[in-house]
Amino acid sequence: MNKLLVAMIAALSLTACQKAEEAASTAADQAQQAAGAAADAAGQAADAAGQAATDAASAAGDAAAAAGDAAGTAVQGAADAAAGAAAGAAQGAADAAAAGAGKVQEMADKAKEAAHK
């Protein structure tokens, strides 16, 4: 009877070991699949991050170009305004000088007339 009991315990132990091995094998397969899926997801995330960085750099370049264009336009506008102001001031000075010269000529003419009388 002892031999029968030992044989039954051995058979149950063997069955339990086989079941444990099957469960471990299944778990290992699932873990391997999960690791593969995680690696794929990490690769996709890295690709997306790289694309986002490229897009951000492109947008920064576009913004810098737009800022440069705006600055160039502002400088050109300021230069045009300064040139216009300078031209206006020069014209005003020329007009004032002409008016002054006209007055001097008029006074000189009056002085000549007075001297001839």
C-alpha atoms as a PDB file:
ATOM      1  CA  MET A   1       0.000   0.000   0.000  1.00  0.00           C
ATOM      2  CA  ASN A   2       2.882   2.306   0.735  1.00  0.00           C
ATOM      3  CA  LYS A   3       4.194   1.662  -2.734  1.00  0.00           C
ATOM      4  CA  LEU A   4       0.825   2.537  -4.216  1.00  0.00           C
ATOM      5  CA  LEU A   5       0.663   5.736  -2.173  1.00  0.00           C
ATOM      6  CA  VAL A   6       4.199   6.724  -3.250  1.00  0.00           C
ATOM      7  CA  ALA A   7       3.315   5.961  -6.899  1.00  0.00           C
ATOM      8  CA  MET A   8       0.182   8.134  -6.657  1.00  0.00           C
ATOM      9  CA  ILE A   9       2.097  11.008  -5.067  1.00  0.00           C
ATOM     10  CA  ALA A  10       4.762  10.690  -7.755  1.00  0.00           C
ATOM     11  CA  ALA A  11       2.111  10.706 -10.500  1.00  0.00           C
ATOM     12  CA  LEU A  12       0.396  13.756  -8.979  1.00  0.00           C
ATOM     13  CA  SER A  13       3.750  15.533  -8.631  1.00  0.00           C
ATOM     14  CA  LEU A  14       4.603  14.776 -12.247  1.00  0.00           C
ATOM     15  CA  THR A  15       1.221  16.064 -13.405  1.00  0.00           C
ATOM     16  CA  ALA A  16       1.629  19.218 -11.313  1.00  0.00           C
ATOM     17  CA  CYS A  17       5.103  19.806 -12.761  1.00  0.00           C
ATOM     18  CA  GLN A  18       3.794  19.339 -16.310  1.00  0.00           C
ATOM     19  CA  LYS A  19       0.955  21.810 -15.680  1.00  0.00           C
ATOM     20  CA  ALA A  20       3.384  24.306 -14.163  1.00  0.00           C
ATOM     21  CA  GLU A  21       5.705  23.932 -17.155  1.00  0.00           C
ATOM     22  CA  GLU A  22       2.821  24.519 -19.601  1.00  0.00           C
ATOM     23  CA  ALA A  23       1.727  27.599 -17.658  1.00  0.00           C
ATOM     24  CA  ALA A  24       5.285  28.935 -17.574  1.00  0.00           C
ATOM     25  CA  SER A  25       5.677  28.335 -21.302  1.00  0.00           C
ATOM     26  CA  THR A  26       2.437  30.175 -22.041  1.00  0.00           C
ATOM     27  CA  ALA A  27       3.450  33.039 -19.776  1.00  0.00           C
ATOM     28  CA  ALA A  28       6.859  33.243 -21.465  1.00  0.00           C
ATOM     29  CA  ASP A  29       5.224  33.385 -24.908  1.00  0.00           C
ATOM     30  CA  GLN A  30       2.863  36.111 -23.769  1.00  0.00           C
ATOM     31  CA  ALA A  31       5.715  38.060 -22.195  1.00  0.00           C
ATOM     32  CA  GLN A  32       7.709  37.795 -25.412  1.00  0.00           C
ATOM     33  CA  GLN A  33       4.741  39.040 -27.456  1.00  0.00           C
ATOM     34  CA  ALA A  34       4.207  41.919 -25.020  1.00  0.00           C
ATOM     35  CA  ALA A  35       7.886  42.844 -25.214  1.00  0.00           C
ATOM     36  CA  GLY A  36       7.700  42.860 -29.021  1.00  0.00           C
ATOM     37  CA  ALA A  37       4.603  45.056 -28.949  1.00  0.00           C
ATOM     38  CA  ALA A  38       6.295  47.420 -26.476  1.00  0.00           C
ATOM     39  CA  ALA A  39       9.374  47.637 -28.706  1.00  0.00           C
ATOM     40  CA  ASP A  40       7.182  48.410 -31.726  1.00  0.00           C
ATOM     41  CA  ALA A  41       5.313  51.089 -29.779  1.00  0.00           C
ATOM     42  CA  ALA A  42       8.596  52.611 -28.592  1.00  0.00           C
ATOM     43  CA  GLY A  43       9.870  52.703 -32.175  1.00  0.00           C
ATOM     44  CA  GLN A  44       6.700  54.392 -33.356  1.00  0.00           C
ATOM     45  CA  ALA A  45       6.926  56.924 -30.520  1.00  0.00           C
ATOM     46  CA  ALA A  46      10.540  57.673 -31.432  1.00  0.00           C
ATOM     47  CA  ASP A  47       9.546  58.162 -35.073  1.00  0.00           C
ATOM     48  CA  ALA A  48       6.717  60.484 -34.050  1.00  0.00           C
ATOM     49  CA  ALA A  49       9.045  62.452 -31.762  1.00  0.00           C
ATOM     50  CA  GLY A  50      11.580  62.799 -34.573  1.00  0.00           C
ATOM     51  CA  GLN A  51       8.894  64.010 -36.954  1.00  0.00           C
ATOM     52  CA  ALA A  52       7.616  66.468 -34.349  1.00  0.00           C
ATOM     53  CA  ALA A  53      11.145  67.804 -33.854  1.00  0.00           C
ATOM     54  CA  THR A  54      11.562  68.177 -37.618  1.00  0.00           C
ATOM     55  CA  ASP A  55       8.221  69.977 -37.879  1.00  0.00           C
ATOM     56  CA  ALA A  56       9.135  72.262 -34.968  1.00  0.00           C
ATOM     57  CA  ALA A  57      12.487  73.121 -36.551  1.00  0.00           C
ATOM     58  CA  SER A  58      10.776  73.862 -39.852  1.00  0.00           C
ATOM     59  CA  ALA A  59       8.202  76.058 -38.134  1.00  0.00           C
ATOM     60  CA  ALA A  60      10.972  77.897 -36.270  1.00  0.00           C
ATOM     61  CA  GLY A  61      12.782  78.482 -39.556  1.00  0.00           C
ATOM     62  CA  ASP A  62       9.593  79.792 -41.150  1.00  0.00           C
ATOM     63  CA  ALA A  63       8.995  82.091 -38.179  1.00  0.00           C
ATOM     64  CA  ALA A  64      12.564  83.398 -38.352  1.00  0.00           C
ATOM     65  CA  ALA A  65      12.196  84.060 -42.072  1.00  0.00           C
ATOM     66  CA  ALA A  66       8.909  85.868 -41.492  1.00  0.00           C
ATOM     67  CA  ALA A  67      10.497  87.926 -38.716  1.00  0.00           C
ATOM     68  CA  GLY A  68      13.379  88.780 -41.033  1.00  0.00           C
ATOM     69  CA  ASP A  69      10.947  89.830 -43.750  1.00  0.00           C
ATOM     70  CA  ALA A  70       8.974  91.939 -41.285  1.00  0.00           C
ATOM     71  CA  ALA A  71      12.159  93.564 -39.989  1.00  0.00           C
ATOM     72  CA  GLY A  72      13.301  94.270 -43.528  1.00  0.00           C
ATOM     73  CA  THR A  73       9.939  95.815 -44.346  1.00  0.00           C
ATOM     74  CA  ALA A  74      10.045  97.920 -41.174  1.00  0.00           C
ATOM     75  CA  VAL A  75      13.585  99.102 -41.929  1.00  0.00           C
ATOM     76  CA  GLN A  76      12.604  99.932 -45.500  1.00  0.00           C
ATOM     77  CA  GLY A  77       9.547 101.817 -44.260  1.00  0.00           C
ATOM     78  CA  ALA A  78      11.642 103.752 -41.760  1.00  0.00           C
ATOM     79  CA  ALA A  79      14.210 104.568 -44.435  1.00  0.00           C
ATOM     80  CA  ASP A  80      11.464 105.727 -46.796  1.00  0.00           C
ATOM     81  CA  ALA A  81       9.922 107.864 -44.065  1.00  0.00           C
ATOM     82  CA  ALA A  82      13.310 109.373 -43.166  1.00  0.00           C
ATOM     83  CA  ALA A  83      14.053 110.087 -46.819  1.00  0.00           C
ATOM     84  CA  GLY A  84      10.637 111.699 -47.232  1.00  0.00           C
ATOM     85  CA  ALA A  85      11.145 113.804 -44.127  1.00  0.00           C
ATOM     86  CA  ALA A  86      14.608 114.865 -45.279  1.00  0.00           C
ATOM     87  CA  ALA A  87      13.290 115.744 -48.716  1.00  0.00           C
ATOM     88  CA  GLY A  88      10.460 117.751 -47.152  1.00  0.00           C
ATOM     89  CA  ALA A  89      12.876 119.589 -44.870  1.00  0.00           C
ATOM     90  CA  ALA A  90      15.205 120.335 -47.776  1.00  0.00           C
ATOM     91  CA  GLN A  91      12.308 121.642 -49.863  1.00  0.00           C
ATOM     92  CA  GLY A  92      11.149 123.790 -46.952  1.00  0.00           C
ATOM     93  CA  ALA A  93      14.661 125.196 -46.522  1.00  0.00           C
ATOM     94  CA  ALA A  94      14.914 125.856 -50.254  1.00  0.00           C
ATOM     95  CA  ASP A  95      11.529 127.578 -50.249  1.00  0.00           C
ATOM     96  CA  ALA A  96      12.518 129.708 -47.250  1.00  0.00           C
ATOM     97  CA  ALA A  97      15.839 130.614 -48.879  1.00  0.00           C
ATOM     98  CA  ALA A  98      14.050 131.549 -52.103  1.00  0.00           C
ATOM     99  CA  ALA A  99      11.534 133.664 -50.210  1.00  0.00           C
ATOM    100  CA  GLY A 100      14.369 135.340 -48.283  1.00  0.00           C
ATOM    101  CA  ALA A 101      16.274 135.981 -51.483  1.00  0.00           C
ATOM    102  CA  GLY A 102      13.136 137.421 -53.009  1.00  0.00           C
ATOM    103  CA  LYS A 103      12.739 139.797 -50.052  1.00  0.00           C
ATOM    104  CA  VAL A 104      16.409 140.812 -50.232  1.00  0.00           C
ATOM    105  CA  GLN A 105      16.011 141.504 -53.955  1.00  0.00           C
ATOM    106  CA  GLU A 106      12.863 143.509 -53.313  1.00  0.00           C
ATOM    107  CA  MET A 107      14.623 145.585 -50.631  1.00  0.00           C
ATOM    108  CA  ALA A 108      17.622 146.080 -52.892  1.00  0.00           C
ATOM    109  CA  ASP A 109      15.337 147.296 -55.673  1.00  0.00           C
ATOM    110  CA  LYS A 110      13.659 149.736 -53.270  1.00  0.00           C
ATOM    111  CA  ALA A 111      17.050 150.968 -52.102  1.00  0.00           C
ATOM    112  CA  LYS A 112      18.089 151.572 -55.723  1.00  0.00           C
ATOM    113  CA  GLU A 113      14.903 153.485 -56.415  1.00  0.00           C
ATOM    114  CA  ALA A 114      15.416 155.584 -53.324  1.00  0.00           C
ATOM    115  CA  ALA A 115      18.995 156.266 -54.289  1.00  0.00           C
ATOM    116  CA  HIS A 116      17.954 157.439 -57.787  1.00  0.00           C
ATOM    117  CA  LYS A 117      15.347 159.895 -56.516  1.00  0.00           C
END
